[in-house]
Each structure stands twice: as C-alpha cells, then as structure tokens.
Amino acid sequence: MFKDSAHSEEMAQELREVIGHAQKLIEATAGEIDDRTRAARAVLEERLAVAKVKCGEIEGHLRNRMQDADKVIREKPYYAIGGSFVIGLLLGWLMGRK
C-alpha cells in the first residue's frame, strides 16, 4: 500500500537509540549510593517510560496519517497532481522574485 520514507525511519531509529542509551545509563548507575544519583536515576526512569509511550503513540499516529494521505491520493490522483502543480507554481513565483 505505502512505504515509509527513509527519513522517518532514520528518525525513529535515532529516537530508539537515544532511549536505549538512556536505559544503559540507568543500568550503569544502579549500584550508586549517592542520594542525588538515586533521585536523578528515578527521574530519568520516569521520563524514559513516558518517552517510550509517547514514541509509540506518535509512530502509530503518523503511520495512520500516512495511510490516510495515501488513500486520498489513490482515490483522487488528479487532485494530488493539481495541488502539486499549484504549489510548484507558487514556489517558482516566490523564488523567481528579486
């Protein structure tokens, strides 16, 4: 039906890597006794859990929006072509102005 763009997949992979690095940081500080380290670790764990949930929600929402856009373009291809043409004309006109 549609294919995810390489750019969005790269961004999702980078976000997963950041979450993975944060998880490793939490694991590395597990043996620390300092109160400030414990407090920072607890806050990081909480925020990491929230980030994982939001990341999943955003990916699902974006995937649904991409499917909706793909469906509209397949149902009305001439509208998509016409809209692209008009946008191209406007951009050309704006860039051509001195």
PDB file of N, CA and C in Angstrom:
ATOM      1  N   MET A   1       0.823  -1.186   0.000  1.00  0.00           N
ATOM      2  CA  MET A   1       0.000   0.000   0.000  1.00  0.00           C
ATOM      3  C   MET A   1       0.874   1.260   0.000  1.00  0.00           C
ATOM      4  N   PHE A   2       1.667   1.486   1.017  1.00  0.00           N
ATOM      5  CA  PHE A   2       2.579   2.609   1.026  1.00  0.00           C
ATOM      6  C   PHE A   2       3.872   2.167   1.691  1.00  0.00           C
ATOM      7  N   LYS A   3       4.904   2.910   1.452  1.00  0.00           N
ATOM      8  CA  LYS A   3       6.196   2.602   2.043  1.00  0.00           C
ATOM      9  C   LYS A   3       6.613   3.770   2.928  1.00  0.00           C
ATOM     10  N   ASP A   4       7.171   3.448   4.089  1.00  0.00           N
ATOM     11  CA  ASP A   4       7.680   4.500   4.975  1.00  0.00           C
ATOM     12  C   ASP A   4       8.868   5.155   4.315  1.00  0.00           C
ATOM     13  N   SER A   5       8.982   6.448   4.474  1.00  0.00           N
ATOM     14  CA  SER A   5      10.124   7.139   3.901  1.00  0.00           C
ATOM     15  C   SER A   5      11.378   6.808   4.703  1.00  0.00           C
ATOM     16  N   ALA A   6      12.494   6.856   4.034  1.00  0.00           N
ATOM     17  CA  ALA A   6      13.764   6.536   4.687  1.00  0.00           C
ATOM     18  C   ALA A   6      14.058   7.538   5.795  1.00  0.00           C
ATOM     19  N   HIS A   7      13.667   8.781   5.588  1.00  0.00           N
ATOM     20  CA  HIS A   7      13.951   9.819   6.578  1.00  0.00           C
ATOM     21  C   HIS A   7      13.193   9.568   7.882  1.00  0.00           C
ATOM     22  N   SER A   8      11.929   9.230   7.792  1.00  0.00           N
ATOM     23  CA  SER A   8      11.163   8.989   9.010  1.00  0.00           C
ATOM     24  C   SER A   8      11.659   7.742   9.727  1.00  0.00           C
ATOM     25  N   GLU A   9      12.093   6.746   8.969  1.00  0.00           N
ATOM     26  CA  GLU A   9      12.634   5.533   9.584  1.00  0.00           C
ATOM     27  C   GLU A   9      13.957   5.833  10.295  1.00  0.00           C
ATOM     28  N   GLU A  10      14.789   6.700   9.695  1.00  0.00           N
ATOM     29  CA  GLU A  10      16.047   7.088  10.334  1.00  0.00           C
ATOM     30  C   GLU A  10      15.779   7.842  11.635  1.00  0.00           C
ATOM     31  N   MET A  11      14.790   8.726  11.626  1.00  0.00           N
ATOM     32  CA  MET A  11      14.456   9.479  12.837  1.00  0.00           C
ATOM     33  C   MET A  11      13.944   8.554  13.925  1.00  0.00           C
ATOM     34  N   ALA A  12      13.115   7.594  13.551  1.00  0.00           N
ATOM     35  CA  ALA A  12      12.590   6.648  14.538  1.00  0.00           C
ATOM     36  C   ALA A  12      13.722   5.804  15.111  1.00  0.00           C
ATOM     37  N   GLN A  13      14.643   5.380  14.258  1.00  0.00           N
ATOM     38  CA  GLN A  13      15.779   4.579  14.727  1.00  0.00           C
ATOM     39  C   GLN A  13      16.658   5.398  15.673  1.00  0.00           C
ATOM     40  N   GLU A  14      16.877   6.669  15.344  1.00  0.00           N
ATOM     41  CA  GLU A  14      17.694   7.522  16.203  1.00  0.00           C
ATOM     42  C   GLU A  14      17.017   7.722  17.563  1.00  0.00           C
ATOM     43  N   LEU A  15      15.704   7.881  17.573  1.00  0.00           N
ATOM     44  CA  LEU A  15      14.974   8.026  18.833  1.00  0.00           C
ATOM     45  C   LEU A  15      15.071   6.750  19.654  1.00  0.00           C
ATOM     46  N   ARG A  16      14.979   5.597  18.994  1.00  0.00           N
ATOM     47  CA  ARG A  16      15.131   4.333  19.711  1.00  0.00           C
ATOM     48  C   ARG A  16      16.527   4.208  20.302  1.00  0.00           C
ATOM     49  N   GLU A  17      17.555   4.672  19.583  1.00  0.00           N
ATOM     50  CA  GLU A  17      18.929   4.616  20.093  1.00  0.00           C
ATOM     51  C   GLU A  17      19.089   5.511  21.319  1.00  0.00           C
ATOM     52  N   VAL A  18      18.492   6.704  21.287  1.00  0.00           N
ATOM     53  CA  VAL A  18      18.576   7.608  22.443  1.00  0.00           C
ATOM     54  C   VAL A  18      17.915   6.963  23.658  1.00  0.00           C
ATOM     55  N   ILE A  19      16.773   6.343  23.445  1.00  0.00           N
ATOM     56  CA  ILE A  19      16.085   5.657  24.549  1.00  0.00           C
ATOM     57  C   ILE A  19      16.941   4.501  25.055  1.00  0.00           C
ATOM     58  N   GLY A  20      17.590   3.782  24.145  1.00  0.00           N
ATOM     59  CA  GLY A  20      18.476   2.690  24.542  1.00  0.00           C
ATOM     60  C   GLY A  20      19.664   3.177  25.356  1.00  0.00           C
ATOM     61  N   HIS A  21      20.245   4.309  24.948  1.00  0.00           N
ATOM     62  CA  HIS A  21      21.377   4.869  25.694  1.00  0.00           C
ATOM     63  C   HIS A  21      20.936   5.322  27.086  1.00  0.00           C
ATOM     64  N   ALA A  22      19.760   5.892  27.183  1.00  0.00           N
ATOM     65  CA  ALA A  22      19.251   6.305  28.497  1.00  0.00           C
ATOM     66  C   ALA A  22      19.025   5.089  29.388  1.00  0.00           C
ATOM     67  N   GLN A  23      18.521   4.018  28.792  1.00  0.00           N
ATOM     68  CA  GLN A  23      18.315   2.778  29.569  1.00  0.00           C
ATOM     69  C   GLN A  23      19.659   2.234  30.060  1.00  0.00           C
ATOM     70  N   LYS A  24      20.690   2.271  29.227  1.00  0.00           N
ATOM     71  CA  LYS A  24      22.021   1.817  29.644  1.00  0.00           C
ATOM     72  C   LYS A  24      22.577   2.696  30.761  1.00  0.00           C
ATOM     73  N   LEU A  25      22.312   4.006  30.696  1.00  0.00           N
ATOM     74  CA  LEU A  25      22.757   4.910  31.748  1.00  0.00           C
ATOM     75  C   LEU A  25      22.082   4.561  33.069  1.00  0.00           C
ATOM     76  N   ILE A  26      20.813   4.241  33.018  1.00  0.00           N
ATOM     77  CA  ILE A  26      20.089   3.838  34.231  1.00  0.00           C
ATOM     78  C   ILE A  26      20.707   2.567  34.806  1.00  0.00           C
ATOM     79  N   GLU A  27      20.990   1.608  33.950  1.00  0.00           N
ATOM     80  CA  GLU A  27      21.576   0.349  34.401  1.00  0.00           C
ATOM     81  C   GLU A  27      22.982   0.563  34.967  1.00  0.00           C
ATOM     82  N   ALA A  28      23.751   1.488  34.383  1.00  0.00           N
ATOM     83  CA  ALA A  28      25.119   1.729  34.837  1.00  0.00           C
ATOM     84  C   ALA A  28      25.147   2.383  36.214  1.00  0.00           C
ATOM     85  N   THR A  29      24.124   3.152  36.535  1.00  0.00           N
ATOM     86  CA  THR A  29      24.108   3.845  37.832  1.00  0.00           C
ATOM     87  C   THR A  29      23.315   3.075  38.887  1.00  0.00           C
ATOM     88  N   ALA A  30      23.006   1.827  38.622  1.00  0.00           N
ATOM     89  CA  ALA A  30      22.195   1.047  39.564  1.00  0.00           C
ATOM     90  C   ALA A  30      22.894   0.856  40.905  1.00  0.00           C
ATOM     91  N   GLY A  31      24.210   0.739  40.930  1.00  0.00           N
ATOM     92  CA  GLY A  31      24.930   0.487  42.166  1.00  0.00           C
ATOM     93  C   GLY A  31      25.338   1.740  42.914  1.00  0.00           C
ATOM     94  N   GLU A  32      25.027   2.909  42.405  1.00  0.00           N
ATOM     95  CA  GLU A  32      25.426   4.159  43.049  1.00  0.00           C
ATOM     96  C   GLU A  32      24.619   4.368  44.331  1.00  0.00           C
ATOM     97  N   ILE A  33      25.295   4.910  45.336  1.00  0.00           N
ATOM     98  CA  ILE A  33      24.671   5.075  46.651  1.00  0.00           C
ATOM     99  C   ILE A  33      24.258   6.526  46.903  1.00  0.00           C
ATOM    100  N   ASP A  34      24.839   7.443  46.197  1.00  0.00           N
ATOM    101  CA  ASP A  34      24.587   8.868  46.413  1.00  0.00           C
ATOM    102  C   ASP A  34      23.101   9.188  46.229  1.00  0.00           C
ATOM    103  N   ASP A  35      22.561  10.035  47.105  1.00  0.00           N
ATOM    104  CA  ASP A  35      21.136  10.401  47.043  1.00  0.00           C
ATOM    105  C   ASP A  35      20.795  11.170  45.769  1.00  0.00           C
ATOM    106  N   ARG A  36      21.698  12.053  45.346  1.00  0.00           N
ATOM    107  CA  ARG A  36      21.436  12.818  44.126  1.00  0.00           C
ATOM    108  C   ARG A  36      21.404  11.897  42.917  1.00  0.00           C
ATOM    109  N   THR A  37      22.263  10.891  42.894  1.00  0.00           N
ATOM    110  CA  THR A  37      22.282   9.950  41.785  1.00  0.00           C
ATOM    111  C   THR A  37      20.992   9.135  41.770  1.00  0.00           C
ATOM    112  N   ARG A  38      20.543   8.725  42.941  1.00  0.00           N
ATOM    113  CA  ARG A  38      19.287   7.970  43.014  1.00  0.00           C
ATOM    114  C   ARG A  38      18.112   8.814  42.529  1.00  0.00           C
ATOM    115  N   ALA A  39      18.083  10.065  42.961  1.00  0.00           N
ATOM    116  CA  ALA A  39      16.992  10.953  42.559  1.00  0.00           C
ATOM    117  C   ALA A  39      17.016  11.196  41.048  1.00  0.00           C
ATOM    118  N   ALA A  40      18.207  11.444  40.507  1.00  0.00           N
ATOM    119  CA  ALA A  40      18.330  11.667  39.066  1.00  0.00           C
ATOM    120  C   ALA A  40      17.948  10.408  38.296  1.00  0.00           C
ATOM    121  N   ARG A  41      18.336   9.276  38.816  1.00  0.00           N
ATOM    122  CA  ARG A  41      18.012   7.991  38.177  1.00  0.00           C
ATOM    123  C   ARG A  41      16.504   7.752  38.167  1.00  0.00           C
ATOM    124  N   ALA A  42      15.850   8.063  39.264  1.00  0.00           N
ATOM    125  CA  ALA A  42      14.392   7.887  39.346  1.00  0.00           C
ATOM    126  C   ALA A  42      13.680   8.796  38.353  1.00  0.00           C
ATOM    127  N   VAL A  43      14.127  10.044  38.270  1.00  0.00           N
ATOM    128  CA  VAL A  43      13.521  10.982  37.318  1.00  0.00           C
ATOM    129  C   VAL A  43      13.754  10.501  35.892  1.00  0.00           C
ATOM    130  N   LEU A  44      14.967  10.039  35.602  1.00  0.00           N
ATOM    131  CA  LEU A  44      15.277   9.558  34.254  1.00  0.00           C
ATOM    132  C   LEU A  44      14.443   8.334  33.899  1.00  0.00           C
ATOM    133  N   GLU A  45      14.261   7.428  34.849  1.00  0.00           N
ATOM    134  CA  GLU A  45      13.428   6.244  34.590  1.00  0.00           C
ATOM    135  C   GLU A  45      11.987   6.641  34.284  1.00  0.00           C
ATOM    136  N   GLU A  46      11.470   7.591  35.044  1.00  0.00           N
ATOM    137  CA  GLU A  46      10.098   8.048  34.840  1.00  0.00           C
ATOM    138  C   GLU A  46       9.945   8.705  33.461  1.00  0.00           C
ATOM    139  N   ARG A  47      10.865   9.584  33.131  1.00  0.00           N
ATOM    140  CA  ARG A  47      10.797  10.276  31.838  1.00  0.00           C
ATOM    141  C   ARG A  47      11.027   9.316  30.677  1.00  0.00           C
ATOM    142  N   LEU A  48      11.870   8.335  30.887  1.00  0.00           N
ATOM    143  CA  LEU A  48      12.124   7.342  29.844  1.00  0.00           C
ATOM    144  C   LEU A  48      10.866   6.523  29.562  1.00  0.00           C
ATOM    145  N   ALA A  49      10.152   6.157  30.603  1.00  0.00           N
ATOM    146  CA  ALA A  49       8.901   5.413  30.420  1.00  0.00           C
ATOM    147  C   ALA A  49       7.879   6.246  29.657  1.00  0.00           C
ATOM    148  N   VAL A  50       7.778   7.515  30.004  1.00  0.00           N
ATOM    149  CA  VAL A  50       6.854   8.405  29.308  1.00  0.00           C
ATOM    150  C   VAL A  50       7.276   8.569  27.845  1.00  0.00           C
ATOM    151  N   ALA A  51       8.588   8.709  27.608  1.00  0.00           N
ATOM    152  CA  ALA A  51       9.082   8.879  26.236  1.00  0.00           C
ATOM    153  C   ALA A  51       8.791   7.648  25.385  1.00  0.00           C
ATOM    154  N   LYS A  52       8.924   6.466  25.962  1.00  0.00           N
ATOM    155  CA  LYS A  52       8.628   5.246  25.211  1.00  0.00           C
ATOM    156  C   LYS A  52       7.158   5.197  24.806  1.00  0.00           C
ATOM    157  N   VAL A  53       6.285   5.553  25.729  1.00  0.00           N
ATOM    158  CA  VAL A  53       4.849   5.537  25.434  1.00  0.00           C
ATOM    159  C   VAL A  53       4.523   6.570  24.357  1.00  0.00           C
ATOM    160  N   LYS A  54       5.049   7.782  24.514  1.00  0.00           N
ATOM    161  CA  LYS A  54       4.769   8.839  23.537  1.00  0.00           C
ATOM    162  C   LYS A  54       5.343   8.496  22.170  1.00  0.00           C
ATOM    163  N   CYS A  55       6.524   7.884  22.148  1.00  0.00           N
ATOM    164  CA  CYS A  55       7.133   7.496  20.881  1.00  0.00           C
ATOM    165  C   CYS A  55       6.238   6.499  20.149  1.00  0.00           C
ATOM    166  N   GLY A  56       5.722   5.537  20.871  1.00  0.00           N
ATOM    167  CA  GLY A  56       4.815   4.557  20.266  1.00  0.00           C
ATOM    168  C   GLY A  56       3.538   5.209  19.757  1.00  0.00           C
ATOM    169  N   GLU A  57       2.991   6.146  20.539  1.00  0.00           N
ATOM    170  CA  GLU A  57       1.773   6.839  20.118  1.00  0.00           C
ATOM    171  C   GLU A  57       2.018   7.679  18.877  1.00  0.00           C
ATOM    172  N   ILE A  58       3.140   8.383  18.851  1.00  0.00           N
ATOM    173  CA  ILE A  58       3.465   9.240  17.707  1.00  0.00           C
ATOM    174  C   ILE A  58       3.684   8.402  16.457  1.00  0.00           C
ATOM    175  N   GLU A  59       4.400   7.300  16.587  1.00  0.00           N
ATOM    176  CA  GLU A  59       4.623   6.434  15.427  1.00  0.00           C
ATOM    177  C   GLU A  59       3.302   5.898  14.891  1.00  0.00           C
ATOM    178  N   GLY A  60       2.416   5.481  15.780  1.00  0.00           N
ATOM    179  CA  GLY A  60       1.112   4.983  15.349  1.00  0.00           C
ATOM    180  C   GLY A  60       0.281   6.060  14.684  1.00  0.00           C
ATOM    181  N   HIS A  61       0.297   7.254  15.261  1.00  0.00           N
ATOM    182  CA  HIS A  61      -0.462   8.367  14.698  1.00  0.00           C
ATOM    183  C   HIS A  61       0.079   8.751  13.320  1.00  0.00           C
ATOM    184  N   LEU A  62       1.398   8.842  13.200  1.00  0.00           N
ATOM    185  CA  LEU A  62       1.995   9.198  11.910  1.00  0.00           C
ATOM    186  C   LEU A  62       1.726   8.131  10.863  1.00  0.00           C
ATOM    187  N   ARG A  63       1.799   6.894  11.259  1.00  0.00           N
ATOM    188  CA  ARG A  63       1.522   5.797  10.322  1.00  0.00           C
ATOM    189  C   ARG A  63       0.072   5.887   9.816  1.00  0.00           C
ATOM    190  N   ASN A  64      -0.873   6.180  10.727  1.00  0.00           N
ATOM    191  CA  ASN A  64      -2.274   6.331  10.332  1.00  0.00           C
ATOM    192  C   ASN A  64      -2.462   7.514   9.380  1.00  0.00           C
ATOM    193  N   ARG A  65      -1.799   8.625   9.676  1.00  0.00           N
ATOM    194  CA  ARG A  65      -1.907   9.810   8.814  1.00  0.00           C
ATOM    195  C   ARG A  65      -1.327   9.529   7.434  1.00  0.00           C
ATOM    196  N   MET A  66      -0.215   8.801   7.383  1.00  0.00           N
ATOM    197  CA  MET A  66       0.388   8.468   6.089  1.00  0.00           C
ATOM    198  C   MET A  66      -0.532   7.546   5.296  1.00  0.00           C
ATOM    199  N   GLN A  67      -1.182   6.619   5.963  1.00  0.00           N
ATOM    200  CA  GLN A  67      -2.120   5.724   5.287  1.00  0.00           C
ATOM    201  C   GLN A  67      -3.326   6.500   4.765  1.00  0.00           C
ATOM    202  N   ASP A  68      -3.821   7.459   5.557  1.00  0.00           N
ATOM    203  CA  ASP A  68      -4.941   8.286   5.113  1.00  0.00           C
ATOM    204  C   ASP A  68      -4.563   9.114   3.887  1.00  0.00           C
ATOM    205  N   ALA A  69      -3.386   9.720   3.931  1.00  0.00           N
ATOM    206  CA  ALA A  69      -2.930  10.519   2.788  1.00  0.00           C
ATOM    207  C   ALA A  69      -2.760   9.642   1.552  1.00  0.00           C
ATOM    208  N   ASP A  70      -2.211   8.458   1.729  1.00  0.00           N
ATOM    209  CA  ASP A  70      -2.034   7.536   0.614  1.00  0.00           C
ATOM    210  C   ASP A  70      -3.386   7.143   0.020  1.00  0.00           C
ATOM    211  N   LYS A  71      -4.355   6.919   0.871  1.00  0.00           N
ATOM    212  CA  LYS A  71      -5.695   6.532   0.417  1.00  0.00           C
ATOM    213  C   LYS A  71      -6.324   7.659  -0.409  1.00  0.00           C
ATOM    214  N   VAL A  72      -6.218   8.902   0.074  1.00  0.00           N
ATOM    215  CA  VAL A  72      -6.791  10.040  -0.644  1.00  0.00           C
ATOM    216  C   VAL A  72      -6.118  10.214  -1.997  1.00  0.00           C
ATOM    217  N   ILE A  73      -4.795  10.087  -2.030  1.00  0.00           N
ATOM    218  CA  ILE A  73      -4.071  10.253  -3.290  1.00  0.00           C
ATOM    219  C   ILE A  73      -4.455   9.164  -4.277  1.00  0.00           C
ATOM    220  N   ARG A  74      -4.651   7.953  -3.804  1.00  0.00           N
ATOM    221  CA  ARG A  74      -5.045   6.863  -4.697  1.00  0.00           C
ATOM    222  C   ARG A  74      -6.488   7.018  -5.192  1.00  0.00           C
ATOM    223  N   GLU A  75      -7.354   7.589  -4.358  1.00  0.00           N
ATOM    224  CA  GLU A  75      -8.742   7.777  -4.757  1.00  0.00           C
ATOM    225  C   GLU A  75      -8.916   8.964  -5.704  1.00  0.00           C
ATOM    226  N   LYS A  76      -8.124  10.015  -5.494  1.00  0.00           N
ATOM    227  CA  LYS A  76      -8.248  11.230  -6.300  1.00  0.00           C
ATOM    228  C   LYS A  76      -6.867  11.690  -6.769  1.00  0.00           C
ATOM    229  N   PRO A  77      -6.266  10.954  -7.703  1.00  0.00           N
ATOM    230  CA  PRO A  77      -4.897  11.299  -8.118  1.00  0.00           C
ATOM    231  C   PRO A  77      -4.791  12.648  -8.816  1.00  0.00           C
ATOM    232  N   TYR A  78      -5.834  13.054  -9.535  1.00  0.00           N
ATOM    233  CA  TYR A  78      -5.756  14.330 -10.249  1.00  0.00           C
ATOM    234  C   TYR A  78      -5.762  15.513  -9.294  1.00  0.00           C
ATOM    235  N   TYR A  79      -6.415  15.378  -8.170  1.00  0.00           N
ATOM    236  CA  TYR A  79      -6.353  16.434  -7.167  1.00  0.00           C
ATOM    237  C   TYR A  79      -4.927  16.572  -6.632  1.00  0.00           C
ATOM    238  N   ALA A  80      -4.291  15.449  -6.390  1.00  0.00           N
ATOM    239  CA  ALA A  80      -2.912  15.477  -5.882  1.00  0.00           C
ATOM    240  C   ALA A  80      -1.971  16.086  -6.919  1.00  0.00           C
ATOM    241  N   ILE A  81      -2.157  15.719  -8.179  1.00  0.00           N
ATOM    242  CA  ILE A  81      -1.307  16.272  -9.248  1.00  0.00           C
ATOM    243  C   ILE A  81      -1.547  17.774  -9.372  1.00  0.00           C
ATOM    244  N   GLY A  82      -2.817  18.182  -9.372  1.00  0.00           N
ATOM    245  CA  GLY A  82      -3.142  19.604  -9.471  1.00  0.00           C
ATOM    246  C   GLY A  82      -2.613  20.400  -8.297  1.00  0.00           C
ATOM    247  N   GLY A  83      -2.754  19.848  -7.090  1.00  0.00           N
ATOM    248  CA  GLY A  83      -2.239  20.538  -5.907  1.00  0.00           C
ATOM    249  C   GLY A  83      -0.732  20.687  -5.953  1.00  0.00           C
ATOM    250  N   SER A  84      -0.047  19.663  -6.389  1.00  0.00           N
ATOM    251  CA  SER A  84       1.411  19.727  -6.514  1.00  0.00           C
ATOM    252  C   SER A  84       1.812  20.750  -7.555  1.00  0.00           C
ATOM    253  N   PHE A  85       1.055  20.808  -8.637  1.00  0.00           N
ATOM    254  CA  PHE A  85       1.341  21.768  -9.697  1.00  0.00           C
ATOM    255  C   PHE A  85       1.189  23.201  -9.180  1.00  0.00           C
ATOM    256  N   VAL A  86       0.105  23.471  -8.468  1.00  0.00           N
ATOM    257  CA  VAL A  86      -0.136  24.814  -7.938  1.00  0.00           C
ATOM    258  C   VAL A  86       0.943  25.198  -6.928  1.00  0.00           C
ATOM    259  N   ILE A  87       1.302  24.277  -6.067  1.00  0.00           N
ATOM    260  CA  ILE A  87       2.364  24.554  -5.083  1.00  0.00           C
ATOM    261  C   ILE A  87       3.682  24.826  -5.795  1.00  0.00           C
ATOM    262  N   GLY A  88       3.973  24.051  -6.832  1.00  0.00           N
ATOM    263  CA  GLY A  88       5.190  24.285  -7.611  1.00  0.00           C
ATOM    264  C   GLY A  88       5.191  25.650  -8.268  1.00  0.00           C
ATOM    265  N   LEU A  89       4.045  26.056  -8.820  1.00  0.00           N
ATOM    266  CA  LEU A  89       3.950  27.390  -9.431  1.00  0.00           C
ATOM    267  C   LEU A  89       4.178  28.484  -8.398  1.00  0.00           C
ATOM    268  N   LEU A  90       3.546  28.337  -7.230  1.00  0.00           N
ATOM    269  CA  LEU A  90       3.724  29.348  -6.181  1.00  0.00           C
ATOM    270  C   LEU A  90       5.173  29.424  -5.712  1.00  0.00           C
ATOM    271  N   LEU A  91       5.786  28.274  -5.513  1.00  0.00           N
ATOM    272  CA  LEU A  91       7.199  28.281  -5.079  1.00  0.00           C
ATOM    273  C   LEU A  91       8.091  28.879  -6.159  1.00  0.00           C
ATOM    274  N   GLY A  92       7.831  28.532  -7.414  1.00  0.00           N
ATOM    275  CA  GLY A  92       8.608  29.111  -8.508  1.00  0.00           C
ATOM    276  C   GLY A  92       8.442  30.607  -8.593  1.00  0.00           C
ATOM    277  N   TRP A  93       7.216  31.071  -8.404  1.00  0.00           N
ATOM    278  CA  TRP A  93       6.958  32.503  -8.455  1.00  0.00           C
ATOM    279  C   TRP A  93       7.666  33.214  -7.298  1.00  0.00           C
ATOM    280  N   LEU A  94       7.586  32.624  -6.098  1.00  0.00           N
ATOM    281  CA  LEU A  94       8.241  33.252  -4.929  1.00  0.00           C
ATOM    282  C   LEU A  94       9.758  33.253  -5.060  1.00  0.00           C
ATOM    283  N   MET A  95      10.297  32.165  -5.580  1.00  0.00           N
ATOM    284  CA  MET A  95      11.760  32.102  -5.711  1.00  0.00           C
ATOM    285  C   MET A  95      12.263  32.958  -6.869  1.00  0.00           C
ATOM    286  N   GLY A  96      11.414  33.200  -7.853  1.00  0.00           N
ATOM    287  CA  GLY A  96      11.812  33.998  -9.003  1.00  0.00           C
ATOM    288  C   GLY A  96      11.789  35.497  -8.751  1.00  0.00           C
ATOM    289  N   ARG A  97      11.127  35.900  -7.667  1.00  0.00           N
ATOM    290  CA  ARG A  97      11.068  37.328  -7.341  1.00  0.00           C
ATOM    291  C   ARG A  97      12.423  37.790  -6.839  1.00  0.00           C
ATOM    292  N   LYS A  98      12.767  39.009  -7.195  1.00  0.00           N
ATOM    293  CA  LYS A  98      14.059  39.550  -6.747  1.00  0.00           C
ATOM    294  C   LYS A  98      13.869  40.684  -5.797  1.00  0.00           C
TER     295      LYS A  98
END
